[in-house]
N, C-alpha and C. Protein backbone atom coordinates (compact mmCIF):
# COMPACT_ATOMS: atom_id res chain seq x y z
N MET A 1 -49.03 22.67 96.56
CA MET A 1 -49.85 22.78 95.38
C MET A 1 -50.22 21.39 94.79
N THR A 2 -49.22 20.42 94.82
CA THR A 2 -49.53 19.12 94.33
C THR A 2 -50.43 18.27 95.33
N GLY A 3 -50.24 18.55 96.54
CA GLY A 3 -51.12 17.88 97.58
C GLY A 3 -51.66 16.53 97.04
N PHE A 4 -53.03 16.48 97.04
CA PHE A 4 -53.57 15.18 96.55
C PHE A 4 -54.14 15.40 95.16
N ARG A 5 -53.76 16.36 94.39
CA ARG A 5 -54.14 16.61 93.05
C ARG A 5 -53.53 15.62 92.15
N ILE A 6 -52.29 15.11 92.50
CA ILE A 6 -51.57 14.26 91.53
C ILE A 6 -51.84 12.75 91.81
N SER A 7 -51.86 12.51 93.10
CA SER A 7 -52.12 11.04 93.63
C SER A 7 -52.60 11.20 95.11
N TYR A 8 -53.02 10.08 95.52
CA TYR A 8 -53.53 9.99 97.05
C TYR A 8 -52.40 10.29 97.94
N GLY A 9 -51.20 9.92 97.60
CA GLY A 9 -49.88 10.29 98.22
C GLY A 9 -49.14 11.49 97.74
N GLY A 10 -49.89 12.24 96.97
CA GLY A 10 -49.22 13.53 96.50
C GLY A 10 -48.16 13.14 95.35
N ALA A 11 -47.44 14.33 95.14
CA ALA A 11 -46.24 14.15 94.01
C ALA A 11 -45.26 13.19 94.57
N GLN A 12 -45.00 13.30 95.97
CA GLN A 12 -43.90 12.35 96.46
C GLN A 12 -44.20 10.94 96.21
N LYS A 13 -45.45 10.50 96.32
CA LYS A 13 -45.78 9.06 95.90
C LYS A 13 -45.61 8.78 94.46
N ARG A 14 -46.26 9.70 93.61
CA ARG A 14 -46.19 9.47 92.24
C ARG A 14 -44.86 9.36 91.58
N PHE A 15 -43.96 10.20 92.16
CA PHE A 15 -42.60 10.25 91.63
C PHE A 15 -41.62 9.55 92.42
N GLY A 16 -42.01 8.88 93.49
CA GLY A 16 -41.05 8.03 94.31
C GLY A 16 -40.06 8.83 95.22
N VAL A 17 -40.52 9.99 95.66
CA VAL A 17 -39.61 10.70 96.46
C VAL A 17 -40.01 10.69 98.03
N THR A 18 -38.90 10.40 98.82
CA THR A 18 -39.21 10.34 100.29
C THR A 18 -38.53 11.66 100.95
N PRO A 19 -39.33 12.54 101.21
CA PRO A 19 -38.82 13.82 101.68
C PRO A 19 -38.38 13.76 103.13
N ASP A 20 -37.49 14.76 103.51
CA ASP A 20 -37.20 14.83 104.96
C ASP A 20 -38.30 15.33 105.71
N LEU A 21 -39.19 16.26 105.05
CA LEU A 21 -40.19 16.94 105.65
C LEU A 21 -41.28 17.33 104.59
N THR A 22 -42.51 16.97 104.91
CA THR A 22 -43.64 17.32 103.98
C THR A 22 -44.54 18.36 104.49
N THR A 23 -44.89 19.33 103.77
CA THR A 23 -45.95 20.33 104.18
C THR A 23 -47.16 20.16 103.29
N LEU A 24 -48.32 20.30 103.93
CA LEU A 24 -49.64 20.33 103.15
C LEU A 24 -50.33 21.61 103.62
N GLY A 25 -50.96 22.22 102.67
CA GLY A 25 -51.89 23.21 102.87
C GLY A 25 -53.32 23.05 103.05
N LYS A 26 -54.03 23.96 102.51
CA LYS A 26 -55.50 23.72 102.65
C LYS A 26 -56.13 22.50 102.06
N VAL A 27 -55.30 21.76 101.29
CA VAL A 27 -55.93 20.54 100.69
C VAL A 27 -56.44 19.60 101.70
N ILE A 28 -55.62 19.48 102.86
CA ILE A 28 -56.14 18.67 103.91
C ILE A 28 -57.31 19.10 104.78
N GLY A 29 -57.89 20.30 104.31
CA GLY A 29 -59.01 20.80 105.02
C GLY A 29 -60.07 21.01 103.93
N GLY A 30 -60.00 20.27 102.84
CA GLY A 30 -60.99 20.41 101.78
C GLY A 30 -61.10 21.78 101.29
N GLY A 31 -60.01 22.44 101.23
CA GLY A 31 -59.96 23.85 100.68
C GLY A 31 -60.11 24.81 101.87
N LEU A 32 -60.41 24.49 102.97
CA LEU A 32 -60.50 25.57 104.08
C LEU A 32 -59.16 25.80 104.65
N PRO A 33 -58.97 26.90 105.39
CA PRO A 33 -57.65 27.33 105.88
C PRO A 33 -57.07 26.23 107.02
N VAL A 34 -56.03 25.61 106.70
CA VAL A 34 -55.39 24.76 107.59
C VAL A 34 -54.08 24.44 106.85
N GLY A 35 -53.14 23.83 107.74
CA GLY A 35 -51.99 23.33 107.13
C GLY A 35 -51.30 22.33 108.11
N ALA A 36 -50.51 21.43 107.57
CA ALA A 36 -49.93 20.35 108.41
C ALA A 36 -48.50 20.11 107.78
N TYR A 37 -47.64 19.45 108.68
CA TYR A 37 -46.36 19.09 108.23
C TYR A 37 -46.04 17.77 108.98
N GLY A 38 -45.17 17.07 108.44
CA GLY A 38 -44.64 15.71 108.99
C GLY A 38 -43.28 15.35 108.37
N GLY A 39 -42.57 14.49 109.10
CA GLY A 39 -41.39 14.17 108.63
C GLY A 39 -40.66 13.12 109.49
N ARG A 40 -39.39 13.01 109.12
CA ARG A 40 -38.52 12.09 109.80
C ARG A 40 -38.62 12.22 111.30
N LYS A 41 -38.41 11.07 111.96
CA LYS A 41 -38.66 11.18 113.48
C LYS A 41 -37.67 12.27 114.19
N ASP A 42 -36.40 12.26 113.73
CA ASP A 42 -35.53 13.23 114.24
C ASP A 42 -35.84 14.64 114.05
N ILE A 43 -36.53 14.93 113.09
CA ILE A 43 -36.95 16.37 112.77
C ILE A 43 -38.16 16.53 113.51
N MET A 44 -39.20 15.77 113.66
CA MET A 44 -40.34 15.96 114.32
C MET A 44 -40.16 15.94 115.79
N GLU A 45 -38.99 15.24 116.38
CA GLU A 45 -38.68 15.42 117.86
C GLU A 45 -38.26 16.82 118.21
N MET A 46 -38.07 17.58 117.25
CA MET A 46 -37.45 18.99 117.58
C MET A 46 -38.71 19.86 117.97
N ILE A 47 -39.93 19.31 117.77
CA ILE A 47 -41.25 20.07 118.07
C ILE A 47 -41.59 19.80 119.48
N ALA A 48 -41.98 20.87 120.16
CA ALA A 48 -42.54 20.77 121.53
C ALA A 48 -43.73 19.81 121.50
N PRO A 49 -43.84 19.06 122.52
CA PRO A 49 -43.23 19.03 123.77
C PRO A 49 -41.87 18.31 123.90
N SER A 50 -41.64 17.50 122.82
CA SER A 50 -40.27 16.78 122.91
C SER A 50 -39.12 17.62 122.59
N GLY A 51 -39.17 18.63 121.79
CA GLY A 51 -38.06 19.41 121.43
C GLY A 51 -38.19 20.98 121.76
N PRO A 52 -37.31 21.73 121.37
CA PRO A 52 -37.29 23.25 121.80
C PRO A 52 -38.15 24.17 120.80
N VAL A 53 -38.77 23.59 119.69
CA VAL A 53 -39.42 24.34 118.71
C VAL A 53 -40.98 24.42 119.21
N TYR A 54 -41.49 25.50 119.38
CA TYR A 54 -42.94 25.61 119.64
C TYR A 54 -43.69 25.83 118.43
N GLN A 55 -44.85 25.12 118.21
CA GLN A 55 -45.63 25.44 117.12
C GLN A 55 -47.05 25.32 117.57
N ALA A 56 -47.96 26.42 117.15
CA ALA A 56 -49.36 26.47 117.34
C ALA A 56 -49.86 27.36 116.36
N GLY A 57 -51.33 27.19 116.27
CA GLY A 57 -51.94 28.05 115.31
C GLY A 57 -53.36 28.17 115.64
N THR A 58 -53.93 29.46 115.37
CA THR A 58 -55.37 29.57 115.60
C THR A 58 -56.24 28.60 114.92
N LEU A 59 -55.91 28.14 113.74
CA LEU A 59 -56.63 27.17 112.98
C LEU A 59 -56.27 25.66 113.14
N SER A 60 -55.36 25.40 113.93
CA SER A 60 -54.92 23.97 114.24
C SER A 60 -55.99 23.15 114.75
N GLY A 61 -56.35 22.07 113.98
CA GLY A 61 -57.45 21.18 114.28
C GLY A 61 -58.74 21.71 114.23
N ASN A 62 -58.92 22.81 113.52
CA ASN A 62 -60.37 23.40 113.33
C ASN A 62 -61.29 22.30 112.92
N PRO A 63 -62.44 22.08 113.73
CA PRO A 63 -63.34 20.86 113.41
C PRO A 63 -63.90 20.94 112.05
N LEU A 64 -64.37 22.19 111.57
CA LEU A 64 -64.82 22.31 110.24
C LEU A 64 -63.83 21.91 109.18
N ALA A 65 -62.72 22.45 109.20
CA ALA A 65 -61.68 22.13 108.17
C ALA A 65 -61.32 20.69 108.33
N MET A 66 -61.22 20.14 109.35
CA MET A 66 -60.83 18.69 109.59
C MET A 66 -62.01 17.76 108.94
N THR A 67 -63.24 18.07 109.22
CA THR A 67 -64.42 17.33 108.59
C THR A 67 -64.43 17.41 107.12
N ALA A 68 -64.21 18.76 106.60
CA ALA A 68 -64.07 18.91 105.07
C ALA A 68 -62.90 18.02 104.65
N GLY A 69 -61.77 17.98 105.22
CA GLY A 69 -60.59 17.28 104.80
C GLY A 69 -60.85 15.87 104.77
N ILE A 70 -61.46 15.43 105.80
CA ILE A 70 -61.70 13.96 105.88
C ILE A 70 -62.67 13.52 104.75
N LYS A 71 -63.69 14.37 104.47
CA LYS A 71 -64.60 14.10 103.38
C LYS A 71 -63.84 14.08 102.07
N THR A 72 -63.10 15.06 101.90
CA THR A 72 -62.29 15.16 100.55
C THR A 72 -61.43 13.83 100.40
N LEU A 73 -60.80 13.47 101.56
CA LEU A 73 -59.87 12.16 101.34
C LEU A 73 -60.75 11.05 101.08
N GLU A 74 -62.01 10.88 101.67
CA GLU A 74 -62.86 9.84 101.35
C GLU A 74 -63.21 9.80 99.90
N LEU A 75 -63.53 10.93 99.42
CA LEU A 75 -63.89 10.98 97.89
C LEU A 75 -62.77 10.72 97.00
N LEU A 76 -61.58 11.09 97.39
CA LEU A 76 -60.50 10.86 96.45
C LEU A 76 -59.86 9.40 96.67
N LYS A 77 -60.32 8.60 97.70
CA LYS A 77 -59.91 7.35 97.78
C LYS A 77 -60.76 6.31 97.00
N GLN A 78 -61.86 6.86 96.48
CA GLN A 78 -62.77 5.99 95.76
C GLN A 78 -62.12 5.52 94.42
N GLU A 79 -62.42 4.29 94.13
CA GLU A 79 -61.71 3.66 92.88
C GLU A 79 -62.11 4.38 91.61
N GLY A 80 -61.08 4.65 90.84
CA GLY A 80 -61.15 5.41 89.65
C GLY A 80 -61.21 6.98 89.65
N THR A 81 -61.00 7.48 90.83
CA THR A 81 -61.00 8.88 91.04
C THR A 81 -59.77 9.57 90.27
N TYR A 82 -58.57 9.11 90.45
CA TYR A 82 -57.60 9.66 89.73
C TYR A 82 -57.44 9.37 88.31
N GLU A 83 -57.85 8.24 87.90
CA GLU A 83 -58.06 7.92 86.48
C GLU A 83 -59.03 8.99 85.76
N LYS A 84 -60.12 9.27 86.48
CA LYS A 84 -61.07 10.23 85.93
C LYS A 84 -60.39 11.68 85.94
N LEU A 85 -59.63 11.96 86.99
CA LEU A 85 -59.00 13.42 87.01
C LEU A 85 -57.93 13.44 85.89
N GLU A 86 -57.28 12.38 85.58
CA GLU A 86 -56.11 12.38 84.61
C GLU A 86 -56.80 12.46 83.24
N ALA A 87 -57.99 11.73 83.00
CA ALA A 87 -58.61 11.70 81.64
C ALA A 87 -59.12 13.17 81.40
N THR A 88 -59.85 13.82 82.37
CA THR A 88 -60.40 15.11 82.33
C THR A 88 -59.33 16.12 82.01
N THR A 89 -58.29 16.08 82.62
CA THR A 89 -57.17 17.11 82.50
C THR A 89 -56.50 16.84 81.15
N THR A 90 -56.28 15.64 80.81
CA THR A 90 -55.61 15.32 79.48
C THR A 90 -56.46 15.81 78.24
N ARG A 91 -57.73 15.61 78.39
CA ARG A 91 -58.64 15.96 77.38
C ARG A 91 -58.65 17.62 77.36
N LEU A 92 -58.70 18.26 78.42
CA LEU A 92 -58.66 19.67 78.52
C LEU A 92 -57.37 20.31 77.80
N ILE A 93 -56.26 19.88 78.29
CA ILE A 93 -55.04 20.42 77.77
C ILE A 93 -54.84 20.16 76.33
N GLU A 94 -55.23 18.91 75.88
CA GLU A 94 -55.03 18.55 74.46
C GLU A 94 -56.04 19.40 73.65
N GLY A 95 -57.25 19.81 74.15
CA GLY A 95 -58.13 20.73 73.54
C GLY A 95 -57.52 22.20 73.33
N ILE A 96 -56.92 22.63 74.44
CA ILE A 96 -56.27 23.93 74.57
C ILE A 96 -55.23 24.06 73.46
N ILE A 97 -54.34 22.91 73.54
CA ILE A 97 -53.27 22.89 72.50
C ILE A 97 -53.73 22.97 71.02
N GLN A 98 -54.77 22.10 70.81
CA GLN A 98 -55.36 21.95 69.47
C GLN A 98 -55.96 23.34 68.98
N ALA A 99 -56.71 24.01 69.97
CA ALA A 99 -57.39 25.17 69.61
C ALA A 99 -56.17 26.24 69.18
N ALA A 100 -55.13 26.34 69.98
CA ALA A 100 -54.01 27.26 69.67
C ALA A 100 -53.40 26.94 68.26
N ILE A 101 -53.15 25.61 68.00
CA ILE A 101 -52.65 25.21 66.72
C ILE A 101 -53.55 25.61 65.57
N ASN A 102 -54.87 25.29 65.88
CA ASN A 102 -55.86 25.59 64.76
C ASN A 102 -55.88 27.11 64.30
N ASN A 103 -55.35 27.86 65.27
CA ASN A 103 -55.34 29.37 65.00
C ASN A 103 -53.96 29.97 64.88
N GLY A 104 -53.04 29.01 64.55
CA GLY A 104 -51.67 29.56 64.37
C GLY A 104 -50.83 30.10 65.47
N ILE A 105 -51.24 29.86 66.66
CA ILE A 105 -50.58 30.28 67.82
C ILE A 105 -49.65 29.26 68.41
N SER A 106 -48.41 29.69 68.71
CA SER A 106 -47.39 28.83 69.39
C SER A 106 -47.68 28.46 70.75
N ILE A 107 -47.63 27.11 71.08
CA ILE A 107 -48.10 26.71 72.35
C ILE A 107 -47.36 25.54 72.82
N ASN A 108 -47.08 25.33 74.02
CA ASN A 108 -46.49 24.18 74.67
C ASN A 108 -47.27 23.95 75.86
N GLY A 109 -47.64 22.60 76.21
CA GLY A 109 -48.39 22.27 77.48
C GLY A 109 -48.38 21.01 77.80
N GLY A 110 -48.78 20.65 78.97
CA GLY A 110 -48.99 19.31 79.45
C GLY A 110 -49.84 19.19 80.65
N SER A 111 -49.87 18.00 81.22
CA SER A 111 -50.54 17.91 82.35
C SER A 111 -50.15 16.68 83.11
N VAL A 112 -50.34 16.65 84.51
CA VAL A 112 -50.21 15.36 85.36
C VAL A 112 -51.34 15.40 86.34
N SER A 113 -52.07 14.28 86.26
CA SER A 113 -53.27 14.10 87.04
C SER A 113 -54.19 15.36 86.82
N ALA A 114 -54.46 16.04 87.94
CA ALA A 114 -55.48 17.17 87.85
C ALA A 114 -54.82 18.53 87.65
N MET A 115 -53.54 18.50 87.32
CA MET A 115 -52.77 19.81 87.01
C MET A 115 -52.46 19.88 85.48
N PHE A 116 -52.53 21.18 85.11
CA PHE A 116 -52.11 21.51 83.65
C PHE A 116 -51.55 22.72 83.54
N GLY A 117 -50.79 22.97 82.50
CA GLY A 117 -50.18 24.20 82.36
C GLY A 117 -49.89 24.41 80.73
N PHE A 118 -49.72 25.64 80.37
CA PHE A 118 -49.26 25.75 78.98
C PHE A 118 -48.56 27.09 78.95
N PHE A 119 -47.56 27.34 77.88
CA PHE A 119 -46.80 28.38 77.66
C PHE A 119 -47.10 28.80 76.11
N LEU A 120 -47.31 30.12 75.88
CA LEU A 120 -47.51 30.61 74.56
C LEU A 120 -46.16 30.98 73.91
N CYS A 121 -45.52 29.85 73.37
CA CYS A 121 -44.20 30.01 72.77
C CYS A 121 -43.75 28.76 72.11
N ASP A 122 -42.79 28.92 71.29
CA ASP A 122 -42.33 27.65 70.64
C ASP A 122 -41.49 26.86 71.83
N GLY A 123 -41.37 25.62 71.76
CA GLY A 123 -40.78 24.86 72.82
C GLY A 123 -39.81 23.88 72.37
N PRO A 124 -39.45 22.80 73.18
CA PRO A 124 -40.26 22.59 74.45
C PRO A 124 -39.85 23.51 75.58
N VAL A 125 -40.63 23.47 76.57
CA VAL A 125 -40.39 24.19 77.89
C VAL A 125 -40.10 23.15 79.03
N ARG A 126 -38.96 23.18 79.51
CA ARG A 126 -38.50 22.09 80.55
C ARG A 126 -37.96 22.81 81.75
N ASN A 127 -37.82 24.13 81.81
CA ASN A 127 -37.32 24.85 82.96
C ASN A 127 -37.83 26.23 82.85
N PHE A 128 -37.41 26.92 83.95
CA PHE A 128 -37.95 28.46 84.07
C PHE A 128 -37.35 29.20 82.93
N GLU A 129 -35.97 28.97 82.72
CA GLU A 129 -35.35 29.75 81.67
C GLU A 129 -36.17 29.61 80.43
N GLU A 130 -36.59 28.46 79.94
CA GLU A 130 -37.34 28.32 78.66
C GLU A 130 -38.76 28.81 78.83
N ALA A 131 -39.38 28.65 80.02
CA ALA A 131 -40.65 29.24 80.28
C ALA A 131 -40.72 30.78 80.12
N LYS A 132 -39.62 31.43 80.41
CA LYS A 132 -39.62 32.89 80.27
C LYS A 132 -39.87 33.31 78.88
N SER A 133 -39.70 32.42 77.81
CA SER A 133 -39.99 32.83 76.51
C SER A 133 -41.34 32.92 76.06
N THR A 134 -42.21 32.59 77.10
CA THR A 134 -43.73 32.57 76.81
C THR A 134 -44.17 34.06 76.51
N ASN A 135 -45.10 34.11 75.65
CA ASN A 135 -45.59 35.55 75.34
C ASN A 135 -46.61 35.96 76.39
N SER A 136 -46.03 36.70 77.39
CA SER A 136 -46.97 37.08 78.53
C SER A 136 -47.89 38.14 78.06
N GLU A 137 -47.59 38.99 76.99
CA GLU A 137 -48.54 40.07 76.56
C GLU A 137 -49.75 39.33 75.90
N LEU A 138 -49.51 38.25 75.11
CA LEU A 138 -50.56 37.49 74.40
C LEU A 138 -51.30 36.76 75.51
N PHE A 139 -50.65 36.25 76.43
CA PHE A 139 -51.40 35.48 77.60
C PHE A 139 -52.38 36.46 78.24
N GLY A 140 -51.95 37.70 78.51
CA GLY A 140 -52.89 38.75 79.13
C GLY A 140 -54.02 39.03 78.20
N LYS A 141 -53.89 39.02 76.97
CA LYS A 141 -55.04 39.23 75.99
C LYS A 141 -55.91 37.92 76.03
N LEU A 142 -55.29 36.73 76.10
CA LEU A 142 -56.05 35.50 76.18
C LEU A 142 -56.96 35.57 77.50
N HIS A 143 -56.29 35.86 78.48
CA HIS A 143 -56.97 36.02 79.88
C HIS A 143 -58.23 36.82 79.77
N ARG A 144 -58.12 37.96 79.10
CA ARG A 144 -59.26 38.87 79.05
C ARG A 144 -60.37 38.23 78.14
N GLU A 145 -59.85 37.60 77.06
CA GLU A 145 -60.79 36.97 76.09
C GLU A 145 -61.55 35.92 76.82
N MET A 146 -60.91 35.11 77.62
CA MET A 146 -61.45 33.97 78.26
C MET A 146 -62.43 34.51 79.34
N LEU A 147 -62.18 35.61 80.03
CA LEU A 147 -63.15 36.21 81.01
C LEU A 147 -64.43 36.50 80.32
N THR A 148 -64.30 37.02 79.11
CA THR A 148 -65.58 37.45 78.43
C THR A 148 -66.41 36.17 78.05
N ARG A 149 -65.81 35.04 78.09
CA ARG A 149 -66.58 33.76 77.83
C ARG A 149 -66.81 32.88 78.98
N GLY A 150 -66.64 33.50 80.19
CA GLY A 150 -66.97 32.98 81.57
C GLY A 150 -66.04 32.00 81.99
N VAL A 151 -64.72 31.98 81.44
CA VAL A 151 -63.72 31.12 82.05
C VAL A 151 -62.72 31.94 82.63
N TYR A 152 -62.35 31.67 83.86
CA TYR A 152 -61.38 32.47 84.74
C TYR A 152 -60.08 31.68 84.79
N LEU A 153 -59.01 32.04 84.09
CA LEU A 153 -57.66 31.59 84.12
C LEU A 153 -56.93 32.23 85.25
N ALA A 154 -55.85 31.62 85.85
CA ALA A 154 -55.02 32.29 86.74
C ALA A 154 -54.36 33.48 85.94
N PRO A 155 -54.29 34.65 86.56
CA PRO A 155 -53.85 35.84 85.85
C PRO A 155 -52.41 36.01 85.50
N SER A 156 -51.64 34.81 85.76
CA SER A 156 -50.18 34.84 85.39
C SER A 156 -49.94 33.83 84.40
N SER A 157 -49.14 34.07 83.32
CA SER A 157 -48.75 32.96 82.37
C SER A 157 -47.95 31.86 83.02
N TYR A 158 -47.45 31.94 84.22
CA TYR A 158 -46.70 30.96 84.89
C TYR A 158 -47.44 30.02 85.85
N GLU A 159 -48.75 30.26 85.94
CA GLU A 159 -49.50 29.53 86.96
C GLU A 159 -50.02 28.23 86.42
N ALA A 160 -50.23 27.29 87.26
CA ALA A 160 -50.82 25.98 86.88
C ALA A 160 -52.23 26.18 86.87
N GLY A 161 -53.01 25.34 86.22
CA GLY A 161 -54.39 25.25 86.26
C GLY A 161 -54.79 23.86 86.83
N PHE A 162 -56.00 23.71 87.25
CA PHE A 162 -56.43 22.52 87.99
C PHE A 162 -58.02 22.14 87.50
N THR A 163 -58.10 20.89 87.33
CA THR A 163 -59.49 20.31 87.13
C THR A 163 -59.90 19.68 88.50
N SER A 164 -61.17 19.32 88.50
CA SER A 164 -61.63 18.69 89.70
C SER A 164 -62.81 17.60 89.29
N LEU A 165 -63.04 16.76 90.22
CA LEU A 165 -64.08 15.87 90.02
C LEU A 165 -65.32 16.45 89.63
N ALA A 166 -65.63 17.65 89.92
CA ALA A 166 -66.88 18.36 89.60
C ALA A 166 -66.90 18.70 88.06
N HIS A 167 -65.85 18.72 87.43
CA HIS A 167 -65.92 19.14 86.06
C HIS A 167 -66.48 18.08 85.13
N SER A 168 -67.55 18.44 84.37
CA SER A 168 -68.20 17.46 83.47
C SER A 168 -67.57 17.60 82.09
N ASP A 169 -67.95 16.58 81.30
CA ASP A 169 -67.56 16.62 79.91
C ASP A 169 -68.06 17.76 79.25
N GLU A 170 -69.25 18.24 79.54
CA GLU A 170 -69.90 19.49 78.87
C GLU A 170 -69.06 20.65 79.25
N GLU A 171 -68.60 20.78 80.58
CA GLU A 171 -67.86 21.99 80.96
C GLU A 171 -66.47 21.98 80.31
N ILE A 172 -65.99 20.81 80.11
CA ILE A 172 -64.59 20.72 79.41
C ILE A 172 -64.76 21.21 77.94
N ASP A 173 -65.87 20.68 77.32
CA ASP A 173 -66.17 21.11 75.92
C ASP A 173 -66.31 22.61 75.75
N GLN A 174 -67.00 23.16 76.79
CA GLN A 174 -67.37 24.55 76.73
C GLN A 174 -66.05 25.40 76.91
N THR A 175 -65.28 24.89 77.71
CA THR A 175 -63.84 25.38 77.97
C THR A 175 -63.01 25.50 76.82
N ILE A 176 -62.90 24.33 76.13
CA ILE A 176 -62.14 24.21 74.91
C ILE A 176 -62.72 25.18 73.82
N GLU A 177 -64.07 25.19 73.73
CA GLU A 177 -64.72 26.05 72.72
C GLU A 177 -64.30 27.54 73.02
N ALA A 178 -64.29 27.91 74.35
CA ALA A 178 -63.92 29.35 74.67
C ALA A 178 -62.50 29.65 74.39
N PHE A 179 -61.55 28.64 74.41
CA PHE A 179 -60.20 28.69 73.98
C PHE A 179 -60.19 28.98 72.53
N GLU A 180 -60.93 28.06 71.73
CA GLU A 180 -60.94 28.14 70.31
C GLU A 180 -61.29 29.50 69.81
N GLN A 181 -62.53 30.14 70.42
CA GLN A 181 -62.97 31.42 69.97
C GLN A 181 -61.91 32.55 70.48
N SER A 182 -61.37 32.30 71.62
CA SER A 182 -60.44 33.35 72.13
C SER A 182 -59.24 33.32 71.19
N PHE A 183 -58.59 32.19 70.93
CA PHE A 183 -57.46 32.16 70.08
C PHE A 183 -57.78 32.80 68.72
N LYS A 184 -58.98 32.45 68.17
CA LYS A 184 -59.48 33.03 66.88
C LYS A 184 -59.44 34.53 66.96
N ASN A 185 -59.90 35.11 67.94
CA ASN A 185 -59.98 36.53 68.18
C ASN A 185 -58.48 37.15 68.23
N LEU A 186 -57.68 36.47 68.91
CA LEU A 186 -56.28 37.01 69.07
C LEU A 186 -55.48 36.92 67.75
N LYS A 187 -55.74 35.95 66.93
CA LYS A 187 -54.96 35.89 65.74
C LYS A 187 -55.41 37.02 64.68
N ASN A 188 -56.56 37.42 64.82
CA ASN A 188 -57.15 38.60 63.95
C ASN A 188 -56.61 39.90 64.29
């Protein structure tokens, strides 16, 4: 999920983690179905033809997905890309939090690069046990309110949200206003 949303090297680069094995999903195909993995030499040598583990897939190396993935990586490598994503996402989550506060609704949230999330509860929320105190019933009502305003949130109160380079300031403003109106309806 973190793929290239957090940095060009993913969460492992941003947080300084060197994994034994890395897996990437459709992010490497520009959103099209594909996946890849890589890791330490001793692990990768277990894969055929060097080792006993056979791996193949219908979509392996699909030219359309690979072309889309290359183009996505080219766009992400442009100067200022991640700064723009960070600024857009920070502005959105701060607007969501302020809209809830304006309407007396408990909320905790945050973001990292192009990923954001929030919980409708008193906080802070640092782990799953604390996240379970989110008001899932209220989130369901918020989800329906947002749909009526043309904003589709993931249907679970535990899902992350994402921004992209395609999101303009105008769309972020419209989304924040949709949250403001939705929270206002929820408090009544």
